[in-house]
C-alpha cells in the first residue's frame, strides 16, 4: 500500500472519512494528479510539482494549496493561518465540506499550474 493511502486509512474518525471524501474530489476534479507521501503527509503532485496536500491535525483536516497566492476563486473560504504563501481549506466534519466550492478552488489552482510562475 502507498504510504499516503496508509496515512489516510489509519486516521481516526471523522478524519478518515473526511480524507477519503477529499481524495475522491481531488482525484476526480484534477487531471493527472499523483498522490505521494511527502513531509509525512499525503501530497498531490502534477508533473512532478507540488499541487496540494492533506493533513489531519489539531482537530481538523487541512487541504493546503502550494501556489495559493495565485488562486482567485473562493478565497474568502480559505485561511492563511499565519502562513505567508500557502492557503488552505479546513474541515472539522464531513458536513463542513461544500463540494462545489472546493471543486472551483481545485479547478482554479489547476489553471495556475500552466502559468510561468508555477514552474
PDB file of N, CA and C in Angstrom:
ATOM      1  N   UNK A   1       0.843  -1.191   0.000  1.00  0.00           N
ATOM      2  CA  UNK A   1       0.000   0.000   0.000  1.00  0.00           C
ATOM      3  C   UNK A   1       0.885   1.249   0.000  1.00  0.00           C
ATOM      4  N   UNK A   2       0.460   2.215  -0.754  1.00  0.00           N
ATOM      5  CA  UNK A   2       1.111   3.516  -0.830  1.00  0.00           C
ATOM      6  C   UNK A   2       1.102   4.166   0.567  1.00  0.00           C
ATOM      7  N   UNK A   3       2.211   4.725   1.043  1.00  0.00           N
ATOM      8  CA  UNK A   3       2.238   5.354   2.374  1.00  0.00           C
ATOM      9  C   UNK A   3       1.204   6.472   2.532  1.00  0.00           C
ATOM     10  N   UNK A   4       0.910   7.208   1.463  1.00  0.00           N
ATOM     11  CA  UNK A   4      -0.106   8.264   1.543  1.00  0.00           C
ATOM     12  C   UNK A   4      -1.485   7.666   1.778  1.00  0.00           C
ATOM     13  N   UNK A   5      -1.780   6.569   1.090  1.00  0.00           N
ATOM     14  CA  UNK A   5      -3.067   5.889   1.304  1.00  0.00           C
ATOM     15  C   UNK A   5      -3.129   5.302   2.706  1.00  0.00           C
ATOM     16  N   UNK A   6      -2.014   4.760   3.176  1.00  0.00           N
ATOM     17  CA  UNK A   6      -1.953   4.226   4.532  1.00  0.00           C
ATOM     18  C   UNK A   6      -2.223   5.323   5.556  1.00  0.00           C
ATOM     19  N   UNK A   7      -1.649   6.506   5.340  1.00  0.00           N
ATOM     20  CA  UNK A   7      -1.891   7.660   6.216  1.00  0.00           C
ATOM     21  C   UNK A   7      -3.389   7.930   6.322  1.00  0.00           C
ATOM     22  N   UNK A   8      -4.057   7.968   5.175  1.00  0.00           N
ATOM     23  CA  UNK A   8      -5.494   8.255   5.137  1.00  0.00           C
ATOM     24  C   UNK A   8      -6.288   7.174   5.853  1.00  0.00           C
ATOM     25  N   UNK A   9      -5.991   5.923   5.544  1.00  0.00           N
ATOM     26  CA  UNK A   9      -6.774   4.811   6.084  1.00  0.00           C
ATOM     27  C   UNK A   9      -6.545   4.551   7.569  1.00  0.00           C
ATOM     28  N   UNK A  10      -5.459   5.045   8.123  1.00  0.00           N
ATOM     29  CA  UNK A  10      -5.184   4.801   9.545  1.00  0.00           C
ATOM     30  C   UNK A  10      -5.580   5.979  10.449  1.00  0.00           C
ATOM     31  N   UNK A  11      -6.158   7.012   9.868  1.00  0.00           N
ATOM     32  CA  UNK A  11      -6.603   8.152  10.685  1.00  0.00           C
ATOM     33  C   UNK A  11      -7.869   7.771  11.464  1.00  0.00           C
ATOM     34  N   UNK A  12      -8.024   8.302  12.664  1.00  0.00           N
ATOM     35  CA  UNK A  12      -9.266   8.059  13.407  1.00  0.00           C
ATOM     36  C   UNK A  12     -10.425   8.817  12.757  1.00  0.00           C
ATOM     37  N   UNK A  13     -11.625   8.371  13.040  1.00  0.00           N
ATOM     38  CA  UNK A  13     -12.812   9.088  12.557  1.00  0.00           C
ATOM     39  C   UNK A  13     -12.961  10.374  13.360  1.00  0.00           C
ATOM     40  N   UNK A  14     -13.482  11.412  12.809  1.00  0.00           N
ATOM     41  CA  UNK A  14     -14.078  11.553  11.479  1.00  0.00           C
ATOM     42  C   UNK A  14     -13.058  11.889  10.392  1.00  0.00           C
ATOM     43  N   UNK A  15     -11.762  11.971  10.752  1.00  0.00           N
ATOM     44  CA  UNK A  15     -10.741  12.414   9.802  1.00  0.00           C
ATOM     45  C   UNK A  15     -10.591  11.465   8.624  1.00  0.00           C
ATOM     46  N   UNK A  16     -10.676  10.169   8.894  1.00  0.00           N
ATOM     47  CA  UNK A  16     -10.549   9.186   7.817  1.00  0.00           C
ATOM     48  C   UNK A  16     -11.625   9.410   6.757  1.00  0.00           C
ATOM     49  N   UNK A  17     -12.858   9.572   7.167  1.00  0.00           N
ATOM     50  CA  UNK A  17     -13.960   9.788   6.223  1.00  0.00           C
ATOM     51  C   UNK A  17     -13.785  11.102   5.473  1.00  0.00           C
ATOM     52  N   UNK A  18     -13.378  12.145   6.169  1.00  0.00           N
ATOM     53  CA  UNK A  18     -13.143  13.438   5.526  1.00  0.00           C
ATOM     54  C   UNK A  18     -12.037  13.303   4.480  1.00  0.00           C
ATOM     55  N   UNK A  19     -10.933  12.673   4.849  1.00  0.00           N
ATOM     56  CA  UNK A  19      -9.801  12.497   3.934  1.00  0.00           C
ATOM     57  C   UNK A  19     -10.187  11.679   2.708  1.00  0.00           C
ATOM     58  N   UNK A  20     -10.952  10.624   2.906  1.00  0.00           N
ATOM     59  CA  UNK A  20     -11.390   9.796   1.771  1.00  0.00           C
ATOM     60  C   UNK A  20     -12.271  10.604   0.822  1.00  0.00           C
ATOM     61  N   UNK A  21     -13.159  11.399   1.374  1.00  0.00           N
ATOM     62  CA  UNK A  21     -14.030  12.242   0.545  1.00  0.00           C
ATOM     63  C   UNK A  21     -13.198  13.263  -0.233  1.00  0.00           C
ATOM     64  N   UNK A  22     -12.255  13.888   0.433  1.00  0.00           N
ATOM     65  CA  UNK A  22     -11.392  14.869  -0.225  1.00  0.00           C
ATOM     66  C   UNK A  22     -10.543  14.209  -1.314  1.00  0.00           C
ATOM     67  N   UNK A  23     -10.069  13.013  -1.042  1.00  0.00           N
ATOM     68  CA  UNK A  23      -9.289  12.273  -2.027  1.00  0.00           C
ATOM     69  C   UNK A  23     -10.099  12.052  -3.307  1.00  0.00           C
ATOM     70  N   UNK A  24     -11.340  11.645  -3.156  1.00  0.00           N
ATOM     71  CA  UNK A  24     -12.207  11.431  -4.323  1.00  0.00           C
ATOM     72  C   UNK A  24     -12.427  12.741  -5.072  1.00  0.00           C
ATOM     73  N   UNK A  25     -12.721  13.821  -4.349  1.00  0.00           N
ATOM     74  CA  UNK A  25     -12.940  15.116  -5.005  1.00  0.00           C
ATOM     75  C   UNK A  25     -11.707  15.568  -5.785  1.00  0.00           C
ATOM     76  N   UNK A  26     -10.553  15.456  -5.181  1.00  0.00           N
ATOM     77  CA  UNK A  26      -9.322  15.908  -5.830  1.00  0.00           C
ATOM     78  C   UNK A  26      -9.022  15.054  -7.060  1.00  0.00           C
ATOM     79  N   UNK A  27      -9.089  13.749  -6.902  1.00  0.00           N
ATOM     80  CA  UNK A  27      -8.697  12.854  -7.991  1.00  0.00           C
ATOM     81  C   UNK A  27      -9.696  12.842  -9.148  1.00  0.00           C
ATOM     82  N   UNK A  28     -10.951  13.212  -8.889  1.00  0.00           N
ATOM     83  CA  UNK A  28     -11.922  13.274  -9.985  1.00  0.00           C
ATOM     84  C   UNK A  28     -12.010  14.661 -10.606  1.00  0.00           C
ATOM     85  N   UNK A  29     -11.440  15.658  -9.963  1.00  0.00           N
ATOM     86  CA  UNK A  29     -11.502  17.038 -10.464  1.00  0.00           C
ATOM     87  C   UNK A  29     -10.245  17.440 -11.214  1.00  0.00           C
ATOM     88  N   UNK A  30      -9.106  17.008 -10.733  1.00  0.00           N
ATOM     89  CA  UNK A  30      -7.826  17.487 -11.267  1.00  0.00           C
ATOM     90  C   UNK A  30      -7.166  16.393 -12.115  1.00  0.00           C
ATOM     91  N   UNK A  31      -7.028  16.640 -13.411  1.00  0.00           N
ATOM     92  CA  UNK A  31      -6.402  15.639 -14.275  1.00  0.00           C
ATOM     93  C   UNK A  31      -4.913  15.464 -13.961  1.00  0.00           C
ATOM     94  N   UNK A  32      -4.484  14.225 -13.945  1.00  0.00           N
ATOM     95  CA  UNK A  32      -3.055  13.953 -13.827  1.00  0.00           C
ATOM     96  C   UNK A  32      -2.439  14.105 -12.460  1.00  0.00           C
ATOM     97  N   UNK A  33      -3.251  14.224 -11.397  1.00  0.00           N
ATOM     98  CA  UNK A  33      -2.645  14.338 -10.065  1.00  0.00           C
ATOM     99  C   UNK A  33      -2.083  12.994  -9.634  1.00  0.00           C
ATOM    100  N   UNK A  34      -1.002  13.057  -8.896  1.00  0.00           N
ATOM    101  CA  UNK A  34      -0.369  11.855  -8.380  1.00  0.00           C
ATOM    102  C   UNK A  34      -0.264  11.990  -6.865  1.00  0.00           C
ATOM    103  N   UNK A  35      -0.797  11.011  -6.151  1.00  0.00           N
ATOM    104  CA  UNK A  35      -0.765  11.025  -4.694  1.00  0.00           C
ATOM    105  C   UNK A  35       0.547  10.424  -4.207  1.00  0.00           C
ATOM    106  N   UNK A  36       1.338  11.250  -3.534  1.00  0.00           N
ATOM    107  CA  UNK A  36       2.615  10.822  -2.976  1.00  0.00           C
ATOM    108  C   UNK A  36       2.614  11.066  -1.468  1.00  0.00           C
ATOM    109  N   UNK A  37       3.641  10.593  -0.823  1.00  0.00           N
ATOM    110  CA  UNK A  37       3.790  10.801   0.616  1.00  0.00           C
ATOM    111  C   UNK A  37       5.045  11.642   0.827  1.00  0.00           C
ATOM    112  N   UNK A  38       4.848  12.921   1.115  1.00  0.00           N
ATOM    113  CA  UNK A  38       5.952  13.860   1.292  1.00  0.00           C
ATOM    114  C   UNK A  38       5.738  14.617   2.597  1.00  0.00           C
ATOM    115  N   UNK A  39       6.805  14.916   3.281  1.00  0.00           N
ATOM    116  CA  UNK A  39       6.735  15.698   4.525  1.00  0.00           C
ATOM    117  C   UNK A  39       5.824  15.028   5.559  1.00  0.00           C
ATOM    118  N   UNK A  40       5.721  13.705   5.484  1.00  0.00           N
ATOM    119  CA  UNK A  40       4.933  12.871   6.407  1.00  0.00           C
ATOM    120  C   UNK A  40       3.426  13.052   6.263  1.00  0.00           C
ATOM    121  N   UNK A  41       2.983  13.541   5.091  1.00  0.00           N
ATOM    122  CA  UNK A  41       1.548  13.689   4.810  1.00  0.00           C
ATOM    123  C   UNK A  41       1.272  13.373   3.340  1.00  0.00           C
ATOM    124  N   UNK A  42      -0.004  13.085   2.990  1.00  0.00           N
ATOM    125  CA  UNK A  42      -0.354  12.892   1.585  1.00  0.00           C
ATOM    126  C   UNK A  42      -0.216  14.210   0.821  1.00  0.00           C
ATOM    127  N   UNK A  43       0.489  14.160  -0.284  1.00  0.00           N
ATOM    128  CA  UNK A  43       0.766  15.346  -1.072  1.00  0.00           C
ATOM    129  C   UNK A  43       0.463  15.032  -2.533  1.00  0.00           C
ATOM    130  N   UNK A  44      -0.349  15.860  -3.153  1.00  0.00           N
ATOM    131  CA  UNK A  44      -0.637  15.681  -4.569  1.00  0.00           C
ATOM    132  C   UNK A  44       0.353  16.477  -5.406  1.00  0.00           C
ATOM    133  N   UNK A  45       0.838  15.819  -6.439  1.00  0.00           N
ATOM    134  CA  UNK A  45       1.766  16.438  -7.389  1.00  0.00           C
ATOM    135  C   UNK A  45       1.171  16.375  -8.790  1.00  0.00           C
ATOM    136  N   UNK A  46       1.521  17.371  -9.593  1.00  0.00           N
ATOM    137  CA  UNK A  46       1.196  17.373 -11.014  1.00  0.00           C
ATOM    138  C   UNK A  46       2.504  17.628 -11.749  1.00  0.00           C
ATOM    139  N   UNK A  47       2.827  16.732 -12.663  1.00  0.00           N
ATOM    140  CA  UNK A  47       4.054  16.878 -13.449  1.00  0.00           C
ATOM    141  C   UNK A  47       5.266  17.129 -12.545  1.00  0.00           C
ATOM    142  N   UNK A  48       5.367  16.363 -11.481  1.00  0.00           N
ATOM    143  CA  UNK A  48       6.483  16.418 -10.532  1.00  0.00           C
ATOM    144  C   UNK A  48       6.565  17.728  -9.756  1.00  0.00           C
ATOM    145  N   UNK A  49       5.466  18.471  -9.726  1.00  0.00           N
ATOM    146  CA  UNK A  49       5.432  19.725  -8.969  1.00  0.00           C
ATOM    147  C   UNK A  49       4.323  19.632  -7.904  1.00  0.00           C
ATOM    148  N   UNK A  50       4.582  20.158  -6.706  1.00  0.00           N
ATOM    149  CA  UNK A  50       3.569  20.101  -5.646  1.00  0.00           C
ATOM    150  C   UNK A  50       2.313  20.871  -6.037  1.00  0.00           C
ATOM    151  N   UNK A  51       1.164  20.288  -5.719  1.00  0.00           N
ATOM    152  CA  UNK A  51      -0.122  20.911  -6.027  1.00  0.00           C
ATOM    153  C   UNK A  51      -0.892  21.226  -4.742  1.00  0.00           C
ATOM    154  N   UNK A  52      -1.207  20.204  -3.962  1.00  0.00           N
ATOM    155  CA  UNK A  52      -1.897  20.412  -2.683  1.00  0.00           C
ATOM    156  C   UNK A  52      -1.594  19.245  -1.754  1.00  0.00           C
ATOM    157  N   UNK A  53      -1.910  19.439  -0.483  1.00  0.00           N
ATOM    158  CA  UNK A  53      -1.674  18.381   0.495  1.00  0.00           C
ATOM    159  C   UNK A  53      -2.904  18.183   1.369  1.00  0.00           C
ATOM    160  N   UNK A  54      -2.935  17.033   2.045  1.00  0.00           N
ATOM    161  CA  UNK A  54      -3.976  16.709   3.019  1.00  0.00           C
ATOM    162  C   UNK A  54      -3.286  16.460   4.351  1.00  0.00           C
ATOM    163  N   UNK A  55      -3.829  17.055   5.409  1.00  0.00           N
ATOM    164  CA  UNK A  55      -3.207  16.889   6.718  1.00  0.00           C
ATOM    165  C   UNK A  55      -4.274  16.876   7.802  1.00  0.00           C
ATOM    166  N   UNK A  56      -4.345  15.777   8.530  1.00  0.00           N
ATOM    167  CA  UNK A  56      -5.239  15.687   9.688  1.00  0.00           C
ATOM    168  C   UNK A  56      -4.445  16.155  10.898  1.00  0.00           C
ATOM    169  N   UNK A  57      -4.866  17.291  11.473  1.00  0.00           N
ATOM    170  CA  UNK A  57      -4.086  17.875  12.560  1.00  0.00           C
ATOM    171  C   UNK A  57      -4.946  18.784  13.425  1.00  0.00           C
ATOM    172  N   UNK A  58      -4.649  18.873  14.671  1.00  0.00           N
ATOM    173  CA  UNK A  58      -5.246  19.851  15.583  1.00  0.00           C
ATOM    174  C   UNK A  58      -6.766  19.941  15.505  1.00  0.00           C
ATOM    175  N   UNK A  59      -7.438  18.830  15.311  1.00  0.00           N
ATOM    176  CA  UNK A  59      -8.896  18.823  15.336  1.00  0.00           C
ATOM    177  C   UNK A  59      -9.583  19.110  14.016  1.00  0.00           C
ATOM    178  N   UNK A  60      -8.850  19.117  12.917  1.00  0.00           N
ATOM    179  CA  UNK A  60      -9.445  19.362  11.607  1.00  0.00           C
ATOM    180  C   UNK A  60      -8.583  18.718  10.528  1.00  0.00           C
ATOM    181  N   UNK A  61      -9.131  18.692   9.315  1.00  0.00           N
ATOM    182  CA  UNK A  61      -8.368  18.254   8.149  1.00  0.00           C
ATOM    183  C   UNK A  61      -8.092  19.487   7.312  1.00  0.00           C
ATOM    184  N   UNK A  62      -6.852  19.647   6.949  1.00  0.00           N
ATOM    185  CA  UNK A  62      -6.382  20.791   6.184  1.00  0.00           C
ATOM    186  C   UNK A  62      -6.130  20.341   4.740  1.00  0.00           C
ATOM    187  N   UNK A  63      -6.673  21.079   3.769  1.00  0.00           N
ATOM    188  CA  UNK A  63      -6.330  20.896   2.357  1.00  0.00           C
ATOM    189  C   UNK A  63      -5.546  22.141   1.982  1.00  0.00           C
ATOM    190  N   UNK A  64      -4.236  22.000   1.903  1.00  0.00           N
ATOM    191  CA  UNK A  64      -3.371  23.142   1.654  1.00  0.00           C
ATOM    192  C   UNK A  64      -2.953  23.227   0.202  1.00  0.00           C
ATOM    193  N   UNK A  65      -2.883  24.438  -0.304  1.00  0.00           N
ATOM    194  CA  UNK A  65      -2.530  24.661  -1.704  1.00  0.00           C
ATOM    195  C   UNK A  65      -1.163  25.304  -1.803  1.00  0.00           C
ATOM    196  N   UNK A  66      -0.317  24.706  -2.603  1.00  0.00           N
ATOM    197  CA  UNK A  66       1.077  25.098  -2.739  1.00  0.00           C
ATOM    198  C   UNK A  66       1.219  26.501  -3.328  1.00  0.00           C
ATOM    199  N   UNK A  67       0.508  26.790  -4.401  1.00  0.00           N
ATOM    200  CA  UNK A  67       0.598  28.091  -5.065  1.00  0.00           C
ATOM    201  C   UNK A  67      -0.656  28.918  -4.803  1.00  0.00           C
ATOM    202  N   UNK A  68      -1.066  28.986  -3.594  1.00  0.00           N
ATOM    203  CA  UNK A  68      -2.334  29.626  -3.237  1.00  0.00           C
ATOM    204  C   UNK A  68      -2.372  31.119  -3.500  1.00  0.00           C
ATOM    205  N   UNK A  69      -1.228  31.756  -3.543  1.00  0.00           N
ATOM    206  CA  UNK A  69      -1.192  33.194  -3.782  1.00  0.00           C
ATOM    207  C   UNK A  69      -1.767  33.589  -5.133  1.00  0.00           C
ATOM    208  N   UNK A  70      -1.887  32.625  -6.030  1.00  0.00           N
ATOM    209  CA  UNK A  70      -2.391  32.900  -7.373  1.00  0.00           C
ATOM    210  C   UNK A  70      -3.811  32.390  -7.590  1.00  0.00           C
ATOM    211  N   UNK A  71      -4.395  31.797  -6.564  1.00  0.00           N
ATOM    212  CA  UNK A  71      -5.781  31.334  -6.651  1.00  0.00           C
ATOM    213  C   UNK A  71      -6.693  32.539  -6.471  1.00  0.00           C
ATOM    214  N   UNK A  72      -7.725  32.633  -7.314  1.00  0.00           N
ATOM    215  CA  UNK A  72      -8.638  33.777  -7.246  1.00  0.00           C
ATOM    216  C   UNK A  72     -10.064  33.386  -6.895  1.00  0.00           C
ATOM    217  N   UNK A  73     -10.427  32.133  -7.016  1.00  0.00           N
ATOM    218  CA  UNK A  73     -11.802  31.689  -6.757  1.00  0.00           C
ATOM    219  C   UNK A  73     -11.994  31.301  -5.293  1.00  0.00           C
ATOM    220  N   UNK A  74     -13.065  31.782  -4.714  1.00  0.00           N
ATOM    221  CA  UNK A  74     -13.494  31.384  -3.364  1.00  0.00           C
ATOM    222  C   UNK A  74     -12.421  31.563  -2.289  1.00  0.00           C
ATOM    223  N   UNK A  75     -11.563  32.545  -2.451  1.00  0.00           N
ATOM    224  CA  UNK A  75     -10.501  32.728  -1.454  1.00  0.00           C
ATOM    225  C   UNK A  75     -11.036  33.150  -0.091  1.00  0.00           C
ATOM    226  N   UNK A  76     -12.266  33.662  -0.065  1.00  0.00           N
ATOM    227  CA  UNK A  76     -12.864  34.041   1.219  1.00  0.00           C
ATOM    228  C   UNK A  76     -13.124  32.826   2.113  1.00  0.00           C
ATOM    229  N   UNK A  77     -13.104  31.609   1.533  1.00  0.00           N
ATOM    230  CA  UNK A  77     -13.292  30.383   2.301  1.00  0.00           C
ATOM    231  C   UNK A  77     -11.963  29.793   2.779  1.00  0.00           C
ATOM    232  N   UNK A  78     -10.869  30.391   2.359  1.00  0.00           N
ATOM    233  CA  UNK A  78      -9.555  29.844   2.676  1.00  0.00           C
ATOM    234  C   UNK A  78      -8.932  30.592   3.854  1.00  0.00           C
ATOM    235  N   UNK A  79      -8.004  29.914   4.513  1.00  0.00           N
ATOM    236  CA  UNK A  79      -7.286  30.521   5.625  1.00  0.00           C
ATOM    237  C   UNK A  79      -5.787  30.504   5.354  1.00  0.00           C
ATOM    238  N   UNK A  80      -5.113  31.511   5.854  1.00  0.00           N
ATOM    239  CA  UNK A  80      -3.650  31.524   5.761  1.00  0.00           C
ATOM    240  C   UNK A  80      -3.042  31.057   7.077  1.00  0.00           C
ATOM    241  N   UNK A  81      -3.741  31.263   8.166  1.00  0.00           N
ATOM    242  CA  UNK A  81      -3.312  30.820   9.499  1.00  0.00           C
ATOM    243  C   UNK A  81      -1.841  31.112   9.773  1.00  0.00           C
ATOM    244  N   UNK A  82      -1.437  32.353   9.540  1.00  0.00           N
ATOM    245  CA  UNK A  82      -0.078  32.763   9.840  1.00  0.00           C
ATOM    246  C   UNK A  82       0.951  32.418   8.779  1.00  0.00           C
ATOM    247  N   UNK A  83       0.531  31.794   7.703  1.00  0.00           N
ATOM    248  CA  UNK A  83       1.455  31.448   6.620  1.00  0.00           C
ATOM    249  C   UNK A  83       1.479  32.573   5.595  1.00  0.00           C
ATOM    250  N   UNK A  84       2.602  32.793   4.954  1.00  0.00           N
ATOM    251  CA  UNK A  84       2.735  33.891   4.002  1.00  0.00           C
ATOM    252  C   UNK A  84       2.301  33.512   2.594  1.00  0.00           C
ATOM    253  N   UNK A  85       2.529  32.283   2.190  1.00  0.00           N
ATOM    254  CA  UNK A  85       2.255  31.888   0.813  1.00  0.00           C
ATOM    255  C   UNK A  85       1.115  30.888   0.710  1.00  0.00           C
ATOM    256  N   UNK A  86       1.124  29.884   1.535  1.00  0.00           N
ATOM    257  CA  UNK A  86       0.132  28.817   1.426  1.00  0.00           C
ATOM    258  C   UNK A  86      -1.187  29.219   2.070  1.00  0.00           C
ATOM    259  N   UNK A  87      -2.268  28.743   1.442  1.00  0.00           N
ATOM    260  CA  UNK A  87      -3.618  28.898   1.986  1.00  0.00           C
ATOM    261  C   UNK A  87      -4.244  27.519   2.024  1.00  0.00           C
ATOM    262  N   UNK A  88      -5.256  27.373   2.864  1.00  0.00           N
ATOM    263  CA  UNK A  88      -5.883  26.061   2.958  1.00  0.00           C
ATOM    264  C   UNK A  88      -7.371  26.170   3.262  1.00  0.00           C
ATOM    265  N   UNK A  89      -8.016  25.056   3.031  1.00  0.00           N
ATOM    266  CA  UNK A  89      -9.405  24.853   3.445  1.00  0.00           C
ATOM    267  C   UNK A  89      -9.333  23.933   4.658  1.00  0.00           C
ATOM    268  N   UNK A  90     -10.166  24.205   5.661  1.00  0.00           N
ATOM    269  CA  UNK A  90     -10.155  23.388   6.874  1.00  0.00           C
ATOM    270  C   UNK A  90     -11.533  22.807   7.136  1.00  0.00           C
ATOM    271  N   UNK A  91     -11.538  21.529   7.504  1.00  0.00           N
ATOM    272  CA  UNK A  91     -12.796  20.823   7.722  1.00  0.00           C
ATOM    273  C   UNK A  91     -12.770  20.062   9.043  1.00  0.00           C
ATOM    274  N   UNK A  92     -13.802  20.305   9.862  1.00  0.00           N
ATOM    275  CA  UNK A  92     -13.944  19.593  11.134  1.00  0.00           C
ATOM    276  C   UNK A  92     -14.838  18.370  11.017  1.00  0.00           C
ATOM    277  N   UNK A  93     -15.683  18.356   9.983  1.00  0.00           N
ATOM    278  CA  UNK A  93     -16.594  17.230   9.773  1.00  0.00           C
ATOM    279  C   UNK A  93     -16.879  17.100   8.281  1.00  0.00           C
ATOM    280  N   UNK A  94     -17.427  15.970   7.908  1.00  0.00           N
ATOM    281  CA  UNK A  94     -17.781  15.724   6.508  1.00  0.00           C
ATOM    282  C   UNK A  94     -18.822  16.737   6.042  1.00  0.00           C
ATOM    283  N   UNK A  95     -19.711  17.123   6.936  1.00  0.00           N
ATOM    284  CA  UNK A  95     -20.764  18.082   6.601  1.00  0.00           C
ATOM    285  C   UNK A  95     -20.217  19.481   6.316  1.00  0.00           C
ATOM    286  N   UNK A  96     -19.023  19.781   6.799  1.00  0.00           N
ATOM    287  CA  UNK A  96     -18.402  21.087   6.548  1.00  0.00           C
ATOM    288  C   UNK A  96     -17.952  21.260   5.100  1.00  0.00           C
ATOM    289  N   UNK A  97     -17.760  20.157   4.400  1.00  0.00           N
ATOM    290  CA  UNK A  97     -17.229  20.225   3.037  1.00  0.00           C
ATOM    291  C   UNK A  97     -18.332  20.662   2.080  1.00  0.00           C
ATOM    292  N   UNK A  98     -18.113  21.769   1.435  1.00  0.00           N
ATOM    293  CA  UNK A  98     -19.010  22.233   0.370  1.00  0.00           C
ATOM    294  C   UNK A  98     -18.313  21.856  -0.933  1.00  0.00           C
ATOM    295  N   UNK A  99     -18.742  20.728  -1.497  1.00  0.00           N
ATOM    296  CA  UNK A  99     -18.060  20.157  -2.650  1.00  0.00           C
ATOM    297  C   UNK A  99     -17.824  21.167  -3.768  1.00  0.00           C
ATOM    298  N   UNK A 100     -18.850  21.914  -4.135  1.00  0.00           N
ATOM    299  CA  UNK A 100     -18.735  22.818  -5.274  1.00  0.00           C
ATOM    300  C   UNK A 100     -17.688  23.910  -5.039  1.00  0.00           C
ATOM    301  N   UNK A 101     -17.617  24.420  -3.839  1.00  0.00           N
ATOM    302  CA  UNK A 101     -16.616  25.451  -3.522  1.00  0.00           C
ATOM    303  C   UNK A 101     -15.210  24.875  -3.656  1.00  0.00           C
ATOM    304  N   UNK A 102     -14.988  23.688  -3.096  1.00  0.00           N
ATOM    305  CA  UNK A 102     -13.670  23.072  -3.191  1.00  0.00           C
ATOM    306  C   UNK A 102     -13.335  22.728  -4.644  1.00  0.00           C
ATOM    307  N   UNK A 103     -14.298  22.229  -5.386  1.00  0.00           N
ATOM    308  CA  UNK A 103     -14.066  21.901  -6.802  1.00  0.00           C
ATOM    309  C   UNK A 103     -13.646  23.144  -7.573  1.00  0.00           C
ATOM    310  N   UNK A 104     -14.290  24.271  -7.325  1.00  0.00           N
ATOM    311  CA  UNK A 104     -13.919  25.511  -8.012  1.00  0.00           C
ATOM    312  C   UNK A 104     -12.506  25.963  -7.639  1.00  0.00           C
ATOM    313  N   UNK A 105     -12.131  25.786  -6.381  1.00  0.00           N
ATOM    314  CA  UNK A 105     -10.773  26.128  -5.954  1.00  0.00           C
ATOM    315  C   UNK A 105      -9.767  25.192  -6.625  1.00  0.00           C
ATOM    316  N   UNK A 106     -10.071  23.905  -6.660  1.00  0.00           N
ATOM    317  CA  UNK A 106      -9.185  22.940  -7.307  1.00  0.00           C
ATOM    318  C   UNK A 106      -9.000  23.271  -8.785  1.00  0.00           C
ATOM    319  N   UNK A 107     -10.089  23.597  -9.458  1.00  0.00           N
ATOM    320  CA  UNK A 107     -10.014  23.948 -10.877  1.00  0.00           C
ATOM    321  C   UNK A 107      -9.190  25.203 -11.090  1.00  0.00           C
ATOM    322  N   UNK A 108      -9.374  26.182 -10.232  1.00  0.00           N
ATOM    323  CA  UNK A 108      -8.609  27.424 -10.333  1.00  0.00           C
ATOM    324  C   UNK A 108      -7.126  27.159 -10.068  1.00  0.00           C
ATOM    325  N   UNK A 109      -6.828  26.371  -9.057  1.00  0.00           N
ATOM    326  CA  UNK A 109      -5.440  26.030  -8.744  1.00  0.00           C
ATOM    327  C   UNK A 109      -4.806  25.248  -9.890  1.00  0.00           C
ATOM    328  N   UNK A 110      -5.577  24.406 -10.542  1.00  0.00           N
ATOM    329  CA  UNK A 110      -5.057  23.646 -11.674  1.00  0.00           C
ATOM    330  C   UNK A 110      -4.701  24.577 -12.834  1.00  0.00           C
ATOM    331  N   UNK A 111      -5.501  25.604 -13.054  1.00  0.00           N
ATOM    332  CA  UNK A 111      -5.201  26.581 -14.108  1.00  0.00           C
ATOM    333  C   UNK A 111      -3.899  27.319 -13.806  1.00  0.00           C
ATOM    334  N   UNK A 112      -3.624  27.548 -12.546  1.00  0.00           N
ATOM    335  CA  UNK A 112      -2.404  28.250 -12.127  1.00  0.00           C
ATOM    336  C   UNK A 112      -1.166  27.475 -12.577  1.00  0.00           C
ATOM    337  N   UNK A 113      -1.240  26.164 -12.586  1.00  0.00           N
ATOM    338  CA  UNK A 113      -0.069  25.359 -12.906  1.00  0.00           C
ATOM    339  C   UNK A 113       0.479  25.633 -14.304  1.00  0.00           C
ATOM    340  N   UNK A 114      -0.365  26.134 -15.199  1.00  0.00           N
ATOM    341  CA  UNK A 114       0.071  26.407 -16.561  1.00  0.00           C
ATOM    342  C   UNK A 114       0.777  27.737 -16.704  1.00  0.00           C
ATOM    343  N   UNK A 115       0.729  28.559 -15.691  1.00  0.00           N
ATOM    344  CA  UNK A 115       1.346  29.876 -15.773  1.00  0.00           C
ATOM    345  C   UNK A 115       2.828  29.796 -15.445  1.00  0.00           C
ATOM    346  N   UNK A 116       3.575  30.686 -15.971  1.00  0.00           N
ATOM    347  CA  UNK A 116       5.023  30.656 -15.875  1.00  0.00           C
ATOM    348  C   UNK A 116       5.544  30.698 -14.428  1.00  0.00           C
ATOM    349  N   UNK A 117       4.836  31.381 -13.506  1.00  0.00           N
ATOM    350  CA  UNK A 117       5.332  31.484 -12.140  1.00  0.00           C
ATOM    351  C   UNK A 117       5.231  30.170 -11.380  1.00  0.00           C
ATOM    352  N   UNK A 118       4.507  29.181 -11.896  1.00  0.00           N
ATOM    353  CA  UNK A 118       4.387  27.893 -11.235  1.00  0.00           C
ATOM    354  C   UNK A 118       5.652  27.058 -11.452  1.00  0.00           C
ATOM    355  N   UNK A 119       6.348  27.300 -12.522  1.00  0.00           N
ATOM    356  CA  UNK A 119       7.467  26.435 -12.917  1.00  0.00           C
ATOM    357  C   UNK A 119       8.762  26.794 -12.280  1.00  0.00           C
TER     358      UNK A 119
END
